[in-house]
C-alpha atoms as a PDB file:
ATOM      1  CA  MET A   1     -49.848 134.196 -78.947  1.00  0.00           C
ATOM      2  CA  SER A   2     -51.887 134.425 -82.130  1.00  0.00           C
ATOM      3  CA  ASN A   3     -54.842 132.105 -82.751  1.00  0.00           C
ATOM      4  CA  ASP A   4     -53.675 131.365 -86.306  1.00  0.00           C
ATOM      5  CA  LYS A   5     -50.597 129.510 -85.060  1.00  0.00           C
ATOM      6  CA  LYS A   6     -50.495 125.788 -85.763  1.00  0.00           C
ATOM      7  CA  TYR A   7     -49.656 123.201 -83.109  1.00  0.00           C
ATOM      8  CA  ARG A   8     -47.661 120.212 -84.297  1.00  0.00           C
ATOM      9  CA  VAL A   9     -48.885 117.012 -82.633  1.00  0.00           C
ATOM     10  CA  LEU A  10     -47.329 113.546 -82.427  1.00  0.00           C
ATOM     11  CA  ILE A  11     -49.677 110.666 -81.514  1.00  0.00           C
ATOM     12  CA  VAL A  12     -48.247 107.425 -80.082  1.00  0.00           C
ATOM     13  CA  ASP A  13     -50.471 104.544 -78.992  1.00  0.00           C
ATOM     14  CA  ASP A  14     -50.255 100.821 -79.684  1.00  0.00           C
ATOM     15  CA  ALA A  15     -53.990 100.632 -80.503  1.00  0.00           C
ATOM     16  CA  ILE A  16     -54.913 101.807 -83.986  1.00  0.00           C
ATOM     17  CA  TYR A  17     -58.459 102.563 -82.777  1.00  0.00           C
ATOM     18  CA  VAL A  18     -57.169 104.959 -80.097  1.00  0.00           C
ATOM     19  CA  ARG A  19     -54.919 106.719 -82.623  1.00  0.00           C
ATOM     20  CA  TRP A  20     -57.926 107.058 -84.937  1.00  0.00           C
ATOM     21  CA  LYS A  21     -60.096 108.410 -82.091  1.00  0.00           C
ATOM     22  CA  ILE A  22     -57.478 111.019 -81.181  1.00  0.00           C
ATOM     23  CA  LYS A  23     -57.110 112.096 -84.819  1.00  0.00           C
ATOM     24  CA  LYS A  24     -60.889 112.305 -85.202  1.00  0.00           C
ATOM     25  CA  ALA A  25     -61.164 114.545 -82.123  1.00  0.00           C
ATOM     26  CA  PHE A  26     -58.429 116.820 -83.483  1.00  0.00           C
ATOM     27  CA  GLU A  27     -60.260 117.300 -86.797  1.00  0.00           C
ATOM     28  CA  SER A  28     -62.456 119.928 -85.131  1.00  0.00           C
ATOM     29  CA  ASP A  29     -59.449 122.187 -84.382  1.00  0.00           C
ATOM     30  CA  PRO A  30     -57.828 123.635 -87.529  1.00  0.00           C
ATOM     31  CA  ARG A  31     -54.835 124.793 -85.446  1.00  0.00           C
ATOM     32  CA  ILE A  32     -53.760 121.188 -84.829  1.00  0.00           C
ATOM     33  CA  ILE A  33     -51.524 119.545 -87.401  1.00  0.00           C
ATOM     34  CA  ILE A  34     -50.716 115.867 -86.869  1.00  0.00           C
ATOM     35  CA  VAL A  35     -47.062 115.526 -87.830  1.00  0.00           C
ATOM     36  CA  GLY A  36     -46.577 111.891 -86.909  1.00  0.00           C
ATOM     37  CA  GLU A  37     -48.126 108.723 -85.591  1.00  0.00           C
ATOM     38  CA  GLY A  38     -46.460 105.755 -83.920  1.00  0.00           C
ATOM     39  CA  GLU A  39     -47.256 102.573 -82.034  1.00  0.00           C
ATOM     40  CA  LYS A  40     -44.082 101.802 -80.034  1.00  0.00           C
ATOM     41  CA  GLY A  41     -42.085 103.598 -77.375  1.00  0.00           C
ATOM     42  CA  GLY A  42     -39.104 103.739 -79.703  1.00  0.00           C
ATOM     43  CA  ASP A  43     -41.300 105.475 -82.300  1.00  0.00           C
ATOM     44  CA  ALA A  44     -42.146 108.158 -79.743  1.00  0.00           C
ATOM     45  CA  VAL A  45     -38.498 108.953 -79.021  1.00  0.00           C
ATOM     46  CA  GLU A  46     -37.327 108.850 -82.652  1.00  0.00           C
ATOM     47  CA  MET A  47     -40.252 110.870 -83.974  1.00  0.00           C
ATOM     48  CA  ALA A  48     -40.073 113.422 -81.157  1.00  0.00           C
ATOM     49  CA  ARG A  49     -36.423 114.021 -82.056  1.00  0.00           C
ATOM     50  CA  ALA A  50     -37.006 114.166 -85.821  1.00  0.00           C
ATOM     51  CA  LEU A  51     -40.322 116.050 -85.949  1.00  0.00           C
ATOM     52  CA  ASP A  52     -40.003 118.451 -82.974  1.00  0.00           C
ATOM     53  CA  PRO A  53     -43.732 118.400 -82.105  1.00  0.00           C
ATOM     54  CA  ASP A  54     -45.358 120.958 -79.810  1.00  0.00           C
ATOM     55  CA  ILE A  55     -47.577 118.331 -78.171  1.00  0.00           C
ATOM     56  CA  ILE A  56     -47.109 114.565 -77.807  1.00  0.00           C
ATOM     57  CA  THR A  57     -49.906 112.180 -76.842  1.00  0.00           C
ATOM     58  CA  LEU A  58     -48.447 108.988 -75.439  1.00  0.00           C
ATOM     59  CA  ASP A  59     -49.841 105.741 -74.036  1.00  0.00           C
ATOM     60  CA  ILE A  60     -48.118 104.057 -71.084  1.00  0.00           C
ATOM     61  CA  THR A  61     -48.391 100.494 -72.363  1.00  0.00           C
ATOM     62  CA  LEU A  62     -46.235 100.349 -75.490  1.00  0.00           C
ATOM     63  CA  ARG A  63     -43.889  97.802 -77.048  1.00  0.00           C
ATOM     64  CA  GLU A  64     -40.094  98.195 -76.880  1.00  0.00           C
ATOM     65  CA  LYS A  65     -40.254 100.782 -74.104  1.00  0.00           C
ATOM     66  CA  ASN A  66     -43.261 101.999 -72.207  1.00  0.00           C
ATOM     67  CA  GLY A  67     -44.582 105.550 -72.305  1.00  0.00           C
ATOM     68  CA  ILE A  68     -42.918 106.468 -69.025  1.00  0.00           C
ATOM     69  CA  GLU A  69     -39.492 105.385 -70.316  1.00  0.00           C
ATOM     70  CA  ALA A  70     -40.148 107.190 -73.606  1.00  0.00           C
ATOM     71  CA  THR A  71     -41.109 110.360 -71.720  1.00  0.00           C
ATOM     72  CA  ARG A  72     -37.846 110.252 -69.741  1.00  0.00           C
ATOM     73  CA  GLU A  73     -35.837 109.870 -72.958  1.00  0.00           C
ATOM     74  CA  ILE A  74     -37.722 112.645 -74.759  1.00  0.00           C
ATOM     75  CA  ARG A  75     -37.126 115.006 -71.845  1.00  0.00           C
ATOM     76  CA  LYS A  76     -33.361 114.505 -72.226  1.00  0.00           C
ATOM     77  CA  PHE A  77     -33.453 116.413 -75.548  1.00  0.00           C
ATOM     78  CA  ASN A  78     -36.791 118.245 -75.535  1.00  0.00           C
ATOM     79  CA  ASP A  79     -38.207 120.086 -72.565  1.00  0.00           C
ATOM     80  CA  ARG A  80     -40.394 122.381 -74.696  1.00  0.00           C
ATOM     81  CA  ALA A  81     -42.968 119.884 -76.025  1.00  0.00           C
ATOM     82  CA  ARG A  82     -45.997 119.222 -73.842  1.00  0.00           C
ATOM     83  CA  ILE A  83     -46.518 115.510 -73.166  1.00  0.00           C
ATOM     84  CA  LEU A  84     -49.998 114.165 -72.485  1.00  0.00           C
ATOM     85  CA  ILE A  85     -50.141 110.588 -71.241  1.00  0.00           C
ATOM     86  CA  ILE A  86     -53.386 108.884 -72.284  1.00  0.00           C
ATOM     87  CA  SER A  87     -53.791 105.548 -70.528  1.00  0.00           C
ATOM     88  CA  ALA A  88     -56.216 103.050 -69.053  1.00  0.00           C
ATOM     89  CA  LEU A  89     -53.749 102.593 -66.169  1.00  0.00           C
ATOM     90  CA  GLY A  90     -55.147 105.206 -63.812  1.00  0.00           C
ATOM     91  CA  GLN A  91     -53.699 104.108 -60.493  1.00  0.00           C
ATOM     92  CA  LYS A  92     -52.327 107.033 -58.495  1.00  0.00           C
ATOM     93  CA  ARG A  93     -48.849 105.466 -58.511  1.00  0.00           C
ATOM     94  CA  LYS A  94     -48.800 105.400 -62.341  1.00  0.00           C
ATOM     95  CA  ILE A  95     -49.997 108.988 -62.609  1.00  0.00           C
ATOM     96  CA  VAL A  96     -47.296 110.162 -60.189  1.00  0.00           C
ATOM     97  CA  GLU A  97     -44.696 108.136 -62.097  1.00  0.00           C
ATOM     98  CA  THR A  98     -45.644 109.788 -65.423  1.00  0.00           C
ATOM     99  CA  VAL A  99     -45.418 113.293 -63.964  1.00  0.00           C
ATOM    100  CA  THR A 100     -42.090 112.475 -62.298  1.00  0.00           C
ATOM    101  CA  ALA A 101     -40.792 111.237 -65.676  1.00  0.00           C
ATOM    102  CA  GLY A 102     -41.652 114.596 -67.229  1.00  0.00           C
ATOM    103  CA  ALA A 103     -45.205 114.318 -68.547  1.00  0.00           C
ATOM    104  CA  ASP A 104     -47.265 117.487 -68.330  1.00  0.00           C
ATOM    105  CA  SER A 105     -50.674 115.881 -67.887  1.00  0.00           C
ATOM    106  CA  PHE A 106     -52.604 112.620 -67.756  1.00  0.00           C
ATOM    107  CA  LEU A 107     -55.911 111.616 -69.372  1.00  0.00           C
ATOM    108  CA  LEU A 108     -57.666 108.393 -68.455  1.00  0.00           C
ATOM    109  CA  LYS A 109     -59.078 106.024 -71.096  1.00  0.00           C
ATOM    110  CA  PRO A 110     -61.789 105.820 -72.164  1.00  0.00           C
ATOM    111  CA  PHE A 111     -61.955 109.532 -72.915  1.00  0.00           C
ATOM    112  CA  THR A 112     -64.427 111.742 -74.730  1.00  0.00           C
ATOM    113  CA  ASP A 113     -63.498 113.992 -77.640  1.00  0.00           C
ATOM    114  CA  GLN A 114     -64.457 116.994 -75.492  1.00  0.00           C
ATOM    115  CA  GLY A 115     -62.289 115.794 -72.593  1.00  0.00           C
ATOM    116  CA  LEU A 116     -59.299 115.328 -74.894  1.00  0.00           C
ATOM    117  CA  LEU A 117     -59.770 118.739 -76.527  1.00  0.00           C
ATOM    118  CA  ARG A 118     -60.084 120.459 -73.127  1.00  0.00           C
ATOM    119  CA  MET A 119     -56.825 118.838 -72.042  1.00  0.00           C
ATOM    120  CA  ILE A 120     -55.090 119.895 -75.283  1.00  0.00           C
ATOM    121  CA  GLU A 121     -56.315 123.484 -74.791  1.00  0.00           C
ATOM    122  CA  GLN A 122     -54.694 123.496 -71.348  1.00  0.00           C
ATOM    123  CA  LEU A 123     -51.440 122.133 -72.770  1.00  0.00           C
ATOM    124  CA  LYS A 124     -51.424 124.708 -75.596  1.00  0.00           C
ATOM    125  CA  LYS A 125     -51.305 127.464 -72.983  1.00  0.00           C
ATOM    126  CA  GLY A 126     -47.888 126.216 -71.910  1.00  0.00           C
ATOM    127  CA  VAL A 127     -46.165 125.982 -75.303  1.00  0.00           C
ATOM    128  CA  GLU A 128     -45.299 128.446 -78.047  1.00  0.00           C
ATOM    129  CA  PRO A 129     -46.247 126.743 -81.325  1.00  0.00           C
ATOM    130  CA  THR A 130     -43.547 126.131 -83.921  1.00  0.00           C
ATOM    131  CA  GLY A 131     -45.957 125.960 -86.872  1.00  0.00           C
END
């Protein structure tokens, strides 16, 4: 896998500040292209289908449908994208539920830019970029 490949990322979180923080962290990696941004579970499913991202960051607590439900729906049509759940709900039961739904990893809020980027690097190892 070449280092000049671009990774298409979809960011979904109901908090505009968290979306901004994720985007800011990604600015340091020129291989990351943000292809979409949403705030509801329905956004995650619709945008994942339309944009075919390589990586999806997804909160658990979202309007319409939560991140776990959105992950299950996304997995019905896309098993290639890597899904990173980023949530303040860090109980073991929630983490297990996200992985069972099809998420690839879990990052607890609040997170550091370095922690997020390390997690994204791990996820990139498991996906061939489309960009």
